[in-house]
Amino acid sequence: MLKKFFWIVAVVGCYLAWPALLFAGRMEVDSNFDGKIDQWHHVSASGKVLKVEYDLNFNGKVDQVQFFKSEKQLERIEFDTDHNGTFDQVQYYSGKNKVDRIEKDSNNDSKVDWKEFFNSAGKLIRGEIDDNHDGKTNIWKFYNDQGVLQKGEYDIDHNGQVDRWDLFHRDTLTEAAFDTNGDRKPDQWQYFNAAEKLERVAYDTNHDGKADYWEYLDKKGKAIRIEKDRNFDGKPDITQKP
């Protein structure tokens, strides 16, 4: 039985520089000197740190586990974010300890329903969400190289095909397009101002790929003007008030 060691580890990752003087087994740590163990360091016979377990909120239960590929390289970190005894988030790492991917179980059903992917600079580039927990992704979010949201795609009715497309400018929604008849082409477009208030809606009533009916809205979302393209040449030929 290994004896208990009491030692403060100031920050995550500081143990990466430990010399290979440790012995195989487990080292237990009381980092806040309250008389209770809150860290468990698992070490190989060669002194390699295999994993480290943490009780971050000091309730007697492990809520974070770090796994290592090598002495200085993380493989993944598992989290119990709500401290209910179930691990619900995993961060995967690539070279230089950069986060490569995050997977989350948002409803504690032991199934991943949220994924985030990162570029080599550690910036978020894509998100995938299963919002009804059926095991299938139905929301996709795409970001630029700086991690700023650019567009989103949605399978609203969960039938396996995208039926809404959003465009963003600096994380602000500017336009949303909808496929209302299931032909995989947008036939309704919504346009938003800088405050994400709906200002205008366009419709493709004959499904030829072009808008032929427009509604202009006031600040309360009420239609104040309607335009129609009756001959479907792409230009409004009648304007009226509702």
Protein backbone atom coordinates (compact mmCIF):
# COMPACT_ATOMS: atom_id res chain seq x y z
CA MET A 1 0.00 0.00 0.00
CA LEU A 2 1.47 3.31 -1.04
CA LYS A 3 1.82 5.93 1.60
CA LYS A 4 -0.06 9.18 1.19
CA PHE A 5 1.97 12.11 -0.02
CA PHE A 6 0.81 15.66 0.54
CA TRP A 7 2.00 18.10 -2.01
CA ILE A 8 0.59 21.23 -3.68
CA VAL A 9 0.23 21.29 -7.44
CA ALA A 10 -0.30 24.95 -8.29
CA VAL A 11 -1.61 24.75 -11.87
CA VAL A 12 -2.79 22.13 -14.34
CA GLY A 13 0.15 20.84 -16.30
CA CYS A 14 2.89 21.79 -13.85
CA TYR A 15 3.61 18.12 -13.26
CA LEU A 16 4.58 17.76 -16.92
CA ALA A 17 8.12 18.76 -16.00
CA TRP A 18 8.51 16.22 -13.21
CA PRO A 19 11.76 14.26 -13.50
CA ALA A 20 11.48 10.52 -13.94
CA LEU A 21 12.17 9.90 -10.27
CA LEU A 22 8.67 8.75 -9.44
CA PHE A 23 7.92 5.11 -8.94
CA ALA A 24 5.11 3.01 -10.37
CA GLY A 25 1.82 3.36 -8.60
CA ARG A 26 -0.39 6.18 -7.36
CA MET A 27 0.51 9.34 -5.53
CA GLU A 28 -2.25 10.96 -3.50
CA VAL A 29 -2.33 14.72 -2.92
CA ASP A 30 -4.17 16.98 -0.50
CA SER A 31 -3.69 20.25 -2.39
CA ASN A 32 -5.60 22.51 0.02
CA PHE A 33 -4.45 20.89 3.29
CA ASP A 34 -7.97 20.12 4.50
CA GLY A 35 -7.01 16.57 5.42
CA LYS A 36 -8.77 15.04 2.41
CA ILE A 37 -7.22 13.68 -0.76
CA ASP A 38 -8.24 15.64 -3.87
CA GLN A 39 -5.67 14.53 -6.49
CA TRP A 40 -4.51 11.08 -7.59
CA HIS A 41 -1.42 10.86 -9.86
CA HIS A 42 -0.96 7.51 -11.62
CA VAL A 43 2.65 6.84 -12.64
CA SER A 44 4.28 4.04 -14.63
CA ALA A 45 7.40 2.13 -13.54
CA SER A 46 9.52 4.38 -15.75
CA GLY A 47 8.16 7.50 -14.08
CA LYS A 48 5.75 8.40 -16.84
CA VAL A 49 2.58 10.15 -15.69
CA LEU A 50 -0.28 8.10 -17.15
CA LYS A 51 -3.22 10.04 -15.78
CA VAL A 52 -4.16 12.49 -13.06
CA GLU A 53 -7.53 12.56 -11.30
CA TYR A 54 -8.87 15.69 -9.62
CA ASP A 55 -11.63 16.48 -7.16
CA LEU A 56 -11.93 20.14 -8.11
CA ASN A 57 -14.83 21.07 -5.84
CA PHE A 58 -13.51 19.02 -2.89
CA ASN A 59 -16.67 16.91 -2.46
CA GLY A 60 -14.81 13.60 -2.35
CA LYS A 61 -15.56 12.64 -5.97
CA VAL A 62 -13.34 12.78 -9.04
CA ASP A 63 -14.66 15.32 -11.54
CA GLN A 64 -11.71 15.70 -13.91
CA VAL A 65 -9.26 13.14 -15.32
CA GLN A 66 -6.25 13.98 -17.50
CA PHE A 67 -4.73 11.29 -19.73
CA PHE A 68 -1.25 11.61 -21.27
CA LYS A 69 0.35 10.35 -24.47
CA SER A 70 3.81 11.26 -23.19
CA GLU A 71 5.42 13.24 -20.40
CA LYS A 72 4.59 16.57 -22.01
CA GLN A 73 1.64 15.70 -24.24
CA LEU A 74 -2.00 15.45 -23.19
CA GLU A 75 -4.20 12.89 -24.92
CA ARG A 76 -7.56 13.94 -23.47
CA ILE A 77 -9.28 15.40 -20.43
CA GLU A 78 -12.59 14.06 -19.16
CA PHE A 79 -14.93 16.29 -17.13
CA ASP A 80 -17.90 15.84 -14.85
CA THR A 81 -19.12 19.40 -15.40
CA ASP A 82 -22.21 19.21 -13.20
CA HIS A 83 -20.56 17.12 -10.45
CA ASN A 84 -23.23 14.42 -10.55
CA GLY A 85 -20.77 11.51 -10.75
CA THR A 86 -21.02 11.06 -14.54
CA PHE A 87 -18.41 12.33 -16.99
CA ASP A 88 -20.17 14.40 -19.63
CA GLN A 89 -17.43 16.19 -21.56
CA VAL A 90 -14.15 15.12 -23.19
CA GLN A 91 -11.45 17.35 -24.67
CA TYR A 92 -9.05 15.71 -27.15
CA TYR A 93 -5.61 17.17 -27.79
CA SER A 94 -3.19 17.23 -30.71
CA GLY A 95 0.46 18.32 -30.74
CA LYS A 96 1.64 21.12 -28.45
CA ASN A 97 -1.32 20.44 -26.18
CA LYS A 98 -3.78 22.19 -28.50
CA VAL A 99 -7.44 21.26 -28.17
CA ASP A 100 -8.41 19.34 -31.29
CA ARG A 101 -11.99 18.33 -30.48
CA ILE A 102 -14.54 18.60 -27.67
CA GLU A 103 -17.41 16.17 -27.22
CA LYS A 104 -20.29 16.75 -24.80
CA ASP A 105 -23.23 14.80 -23.42
CA SER A 106 -25.62 17.63 -22.55
CA ASN A 107 -28.46 15.53 -21.10
CA ASN A 108 -26.50 12.80 -19.27
CA ASP A 109 -27.79 9.90 -21.39
CA SER A 110 -24.20 8.67 -22.01
CA LYS A 111 -24.40 9.72 -25.68
CA VAL A 112 -22.45 12.53 -27.30
CA ASP A 113 -24.80 15.19 -28.65
CA TRP A 114 -22.45 18.17 -29.08
CA LYS A 115 -19.10 18.26 -30.90
CA GLU A 116 -16.72 21.15 -31.45
CA PHE A 117 -13.71 21.05 -33.80
CA PHE A 118 -10.68 23.36 -33.64
CA ASN A 119 -7.92 24.37 -36.07
CA SER A 120 -4.18 24.19 -35.39
CA ALA A 121 -4.30 27.62 -33.75
CA GLY A 122 -6.89 26.42 -31.25
CA LYS A 123 -9.76 28.36 -32.85
CA LEU A 124 -13.23 26.84 -33.12
CA ILE A 125 -14.03 26.08 -36.78
CA ARG A 126 -17.11 23.81 -36.65
CA GLY A 127 -19.82 22.72 -34.28
CA GLU A 128 -22.17 19.75 -34.62
CA ILE A 129 -25.27 19.37 -32.42
CA ASP A 130 -27.91 16.68 -31.95
CA ASP A 131 -30.62 18.79 -30.33
CA ASN A 132 -33.27 16.05 -29.98
CA HIS A 133 -30.83 13.36 -28.76
CA ASP A 134 -31.68 10.78 -31.44
CA GLY A 135 -28.03 10.08 -32.23
CA LYS A 136 -28.02 12.16 -35.45
CA THR A 137 -26.52 15.59 -35.99
CA ASN A 138 -29.09 18.13 -37.14
CA ILE A 139 -27.33 21.44 -36.50
CA TRP A 140 -24.02 22.46 -38.08
CA LYS A 141 -22.23 25.72 -37.27
CA PHE A 142 -19.24 27.01 -39.24
CA TYR A 143 -16.65 29.55 -38.08
CA ASN A 144 -13.82 31.44 -39.79
CA ASP A 145 -10.15 31.05 -38.89
CA GLN A 146 -10.57 33.49 -36.01
CA GLY A 147 -13.39 31.48 -34.46
CA VAL A 148 -16.15 33.89 -35.53
CA LEU A 149 -19.48 32.34 -36.50
CA GLN A 150 -20.15 32.62 -40.26
CA LYS A 151 -23.07 30.33 -41.08
CA GLY A 152 -25.35 27.67 -39.71
CA GLU A 153 -27.26 24.75 -41.24
CA TYR A 154 -30.23 23.03 -39.63
CA ASP A 155 -32.40 19.97 -40.14
CA ILE A 156 -35.44 21.44 -38.41
CA ASP A 157 -37.85 18.53 -38.91
CA HIS A 158 -35.18 15.86 -38.27
CA ASN A 159 -35.76 14.06 -41.55
CA GLY A 160 -32.09 13.85 -42.51
CA GLN A 161 -31.86 16.86 -44.82
CA VAL A 162 -30.98 20.50 -44.23
CA ASP A 163 -33.96 22.85 -44.47
CA ARG A 164 -32.62 26.07 -42.96
CA TRP A 165 -29.48 28.08 -43.73
CA ASP A 166 -28.31 31.04 -41.61
CA LEU A 167 -25.71 33.69 -42.42
CA PHE A 168 -23.91 35.72 -39.75
CA HIS A 169 -21.76 38.82 -39.68
CA ARG A 170 -19.53 39.06 -36.61
CA ASP A 171 -21.67 36.48 -34.79
CA THR A 172 -24.86 38.44 -35.60
CA LEU A 173 -27.62 36.79 -37.64
CA THR A 174 -28.22 38.68 -40.89
CA GLU A 175 -30.17 36.26 -43.08
CA ALA A 176 -32.06 32.98 -42.73
CA ALA A 177 -33.25 30.86 -45.67
CA PHE A 178 -35.83 28.07 -45.43
CA ASP A 179 -36.90 25.09 -47.53
CA THR A 180 -40.61 24.82 -46.77
CA ASN A 181 -41.58 22.17 -49.36
CA GLY A 182 -38.77 19.62 -48.95
CA ASP A 183 -37.10 20.08 -52.34
CA ARG A 184 -33.76 20.98 -50.67
CA LYS A 185 -33.87 24.51 -52.10
CA PRO A 186 -34.69 27.68 -50.15
CA ASP A 187 -38.04 29.29 -50.93
CA GLN A 188 -38.26 31.75 -48.06
CA TRP A 189 -35.70 34.29 -46.90
CA GLN A 190 -35.69 36.36 -43.72
CA TYR A 191 -33.49 39.46 -43.36
CA PHE A 192 -32.42 40.96 -40.03
CA ASN A 193 -30.96 44.28 -38.90
CA ALA A 194 -27.88 44.77 -36.69
CA ALA A 195 -29.98 44.06 -33.59
CA GLU A 196 -31.21 40.77 -35.13
CA LYS A 197 -34.72 42.18 -35.56
CA LEU A 198 -36.61 40.82 -38.55
CA GLU A 199 -37.02 43.58 -41.18
CA ARG A 200 -38.00 41.83 -44.40
CA VAL A 201 -39.26 38.46 -45.63
CA ALA A 202 -39.10 37.22 -49.23
CA TYR A 203 -40.98 34.24 -50.70
CA ASP A 204 -40.62 32.11 -53.80
CA THR A 205 -44.26 31.17 -54.34
CA ASN A 206 -43.78 29.24 -57.59
CA HIS A 207 -40.55 27.51 -56.50
CA ASP A 208 -38.46 28.66 -59.45
CA GLY A 209 -35.57 29.67 -57.20
CA LYS A 210 -36.38 33.41 -57.23
CA ALA A 211 -38.28 35.56 -54.76
CA ASP A 212 -41.57 36.93 -56.08
CA TYR A 213 -43.30 38.18 -52.93
CA TRP A 214 -41.83 40.53 -50.32
CA GLU A 215 -43.03 41.75 -46.92
CA TYR A 216 -41.46 44.77 -45.18
CA LEU A 217 -41.89 44.96 -41.41
CA ASP A 218 -41.88 47.70 -38.80
CA LYS A 219 -40.04 47.55 -35.46
CA LYS A 220 -42.86 45.52 -33.94
CA GLY A 221 -42.74 42.92 -36.71
CA LYS A 222 -45.92 44.11 -38.41
CA ALA A 223 -46.06 44.19 -42.22
CA ILE A 224 -46.12 47.77 -43.51
CA ARG A 225 -45.58 47.12 -47.24
CA ILE A 226 -46.01 44.19 -49.61
CA GLU A 227 -44.47 43.83 -53.06
CA LYS A 228 -45.40 41.20 -55.67
CA ASP A 229 -43.83 39.99 -58.88
CA ARG A 230 -46.83 38.68 -60.82
CA ASN A 231 -45.00 37.76 -64.02
CA PHE A 232 -42.04 36.17 -62.23
CA ASP A 233 -39.34 38.21 -63.92
CA GLY A 234 -37.55 38.87 -60.64
CA LYS A 235 -38.86 42.43 -60.26
CA PRO A 236 -41.83 43.64 -58.18
CA ASP A 237 -44.65 45.02 -60.34
CA ILE A 238 -47.17 45.81 -57.64
CA THR A 239 -46.85 47.44 -54.22
CA GLN A 240 -49.56 47.58 -51.61
CA LYS A 241 -50.18 48.05 -47.91
CA PRO A 242 -51.66 45.14 -45.91
